[in-house]
Protein backbone atom coordinates (compact mmCIF):
# COMPACT_ATOMS: atom_id res chain seq x y z
CA MET A 1 -0.05 -0.10 0.00
CA LEU A 2 1.43 3.36 -0.98
CA THR A 3 0.97 6.33 1.13
CA ALA A 4 0.77 9.69 -0.15
CA THR A 5 3.18 12.25 1.41
CA LYS A 6 2.25 15.81 2.15
CA LYS A 7 3.16 18.44 -0.05
CA ALA A 8 6.31 20.47 1.01
CA ARG A 9 5.75 24.30 1.67
CA ARG A 10 8.45 26.78 0.34
CA SER A 11 10.80 28.49 3.24
CA ARG A 12 9.72 31.93 3.88
CA CYS A 13 11.62 34.80 5.58
CA PRO A 14 10.28 35.48 9.26
CA VAL A 15 10.67 39.10 8.91
CA THR A 16 9.43 40.05 5.53
CA GLY A 17 7.26 36.88 4.65
CA GLN A 18 8.86 36.60 1.23
CA LEU A 19 9.63 33.37 -0.20
CA LEU A 20 13.40 32.54 0.02
CA GLN A 21 14.81 32.34 -3.38
CA GLY A 22 17.38 29.40 -4.23
CA VAL A 23 16.55 27.28 -1.15
CA LYS A 24 15.22 23.84 -2.39
CA VAL A 25 11.58 22.66 -1.26
CA ALA A 26 11.30 19.54 0.77
CA ARG A 27 9.63 17.87 3.60
CA PRO A 28 11.69 18.34 6.75
CA MET A 29 13.30 14.88 6.93
CA ALA A 30 14.29 14.98 3.18
CA PHE A 31 15.24 18.68 3.86
CA SER A 32 17.86 17.47 6.51
CA ARG A 33 19.24 14.99 3.99
CA LEU A 34 19.84 17.51 1.32
CA ALA A 35 23.34 18.87 0.89
CA ARG A 36 24.18 22.23 2.58
CA ARG A 37 24.52 24.27 -0.59
CA GLU A 38 20.90 23.13 -1.49
CA ARG A 39 19.52 24.20 2.07
CA ARG A 40 20.84 27.61 1.89
CA VAL A 41 21.98 30.75 -0.27
CA ASN A 42 25.52 31.66 -0.04
CA ARG A 43 25.22 34.89 2.02
CA ALA A 44 24.76 35.82 5.61
CA TYR A 45 21.60 34.51 6.98
CA GLY A 46 21.03 32.68 3.64
CA GLY A 47 18.83 29.94 4.60
CA SER A 48 16.70 31.92 6.93
CA LEU A 49 16.34 35.49 5.91
CA SER A 50 15.47 37.28 2.70
CA GLY A 51 18.07 39.66 1.07
CA GLY A 52 16.13 42.63 1.85
CA ALA A 53 15.81 41.83 5.49
CA VAL A 54 19.62 41.08 5.53
CA LYS A 55 20.21 44.62 3.84
CA ASP A 56 17.98 46.41 6.40
CA ARG A 57 19.79 44.69 9.37
CA ILE A 58 23.09 45.79 8.01
CA LEU A 59 21.84 49.27 7.47
CA ARG A 60 20.30 49.66 10.93
CA ALA A 61 23.67 48.28 12.54
CA PHE A 62 25.46 51.02 10.64
CA LEU A 63 23.23 53.76 11.42
CA ILE A 64 23.17 52.87 15.13
CA GLU A 65 27.02 53.07 14.89
CA GLU A 66 26.84 56.41 13.43
CA ALA A 67 24.53 57.79 16.01
CA LYS A 68 26.76 56.58 18.69
CA ILE A 69 29.66 58.25 17.10
CA VAL A 70 27.87 61.61 16.72
CA LYS A 71 26.67 61.40 20.32
CA ARG A 72 30.35 61.05 21.59
CA VAL A 73 31.40 64.03 19.25
CA LEU A 74 28.67 66.27 20.62
CA LYS A 75 29.61 65.24 24.25
CA LEU A 76 33.20 66.30 23.59
CA GLN A 77 32.22 69.62 22.09
CA ALA A 78 30.08 70.28 25.02
CA ALA A 79 32.77 69.48 27.34
CA LYS A 80 35.29 71.77 25.37
CA ALA A 81 32.80 74.56 25.53
CA ALA A 82 32.22 74.13 29.29
CA ALA A 83 36.03 74.15 29.88
CA ALA A 84 36.39 77.31 27.79
CA ASP A 85 33.73 79.03 29.57
CA LYS A 86 35.21 78.14 32.99
CA THR A 87 38.62 79.59 31.94
CA ALA A 88 36.98 82.62 30.73
CA ALA A 89 35.29 83.41 33.95
CA ALA A 90 38.23 82.52 35.96
CA SER A 91 40.26 85.04 34.12
CA LYS A 92 37.55 87.65 34.70
CA GLY A 93 36.83 86.72 38.43
CA GLY A 94 40.38 87.17 39.65
CA LYS A 95 40.23 91.03 39.73
CA LYS A 96 37.33 91.36 41.81
CA GLY A 97 39.24 91.93 45.27
CA LYS A 98 41.05 94.97 44.21
CA LYS A 99 39.70 98.48 44.20
């Protein structure tokens, strides 16, 4: 007696919901027996995320790092301005005691 097997579903990206291009379609047990190159695409997160999702992750990480750098630069500029104000105030305030 032959048993009918269920039809395999295509892999989807969990972030965007797009079908993953280049990934073979197979039932879970058959999928595990496939060669690694058939289960994934040659890219970071190749077998699990779509190209657009990976691009968004890279862009987000870059922008977060840029924001950290900008915050650090602004903090340094504020510190320099405060130090300059302090030295200017000290040079003016030194002559208050004399008449």
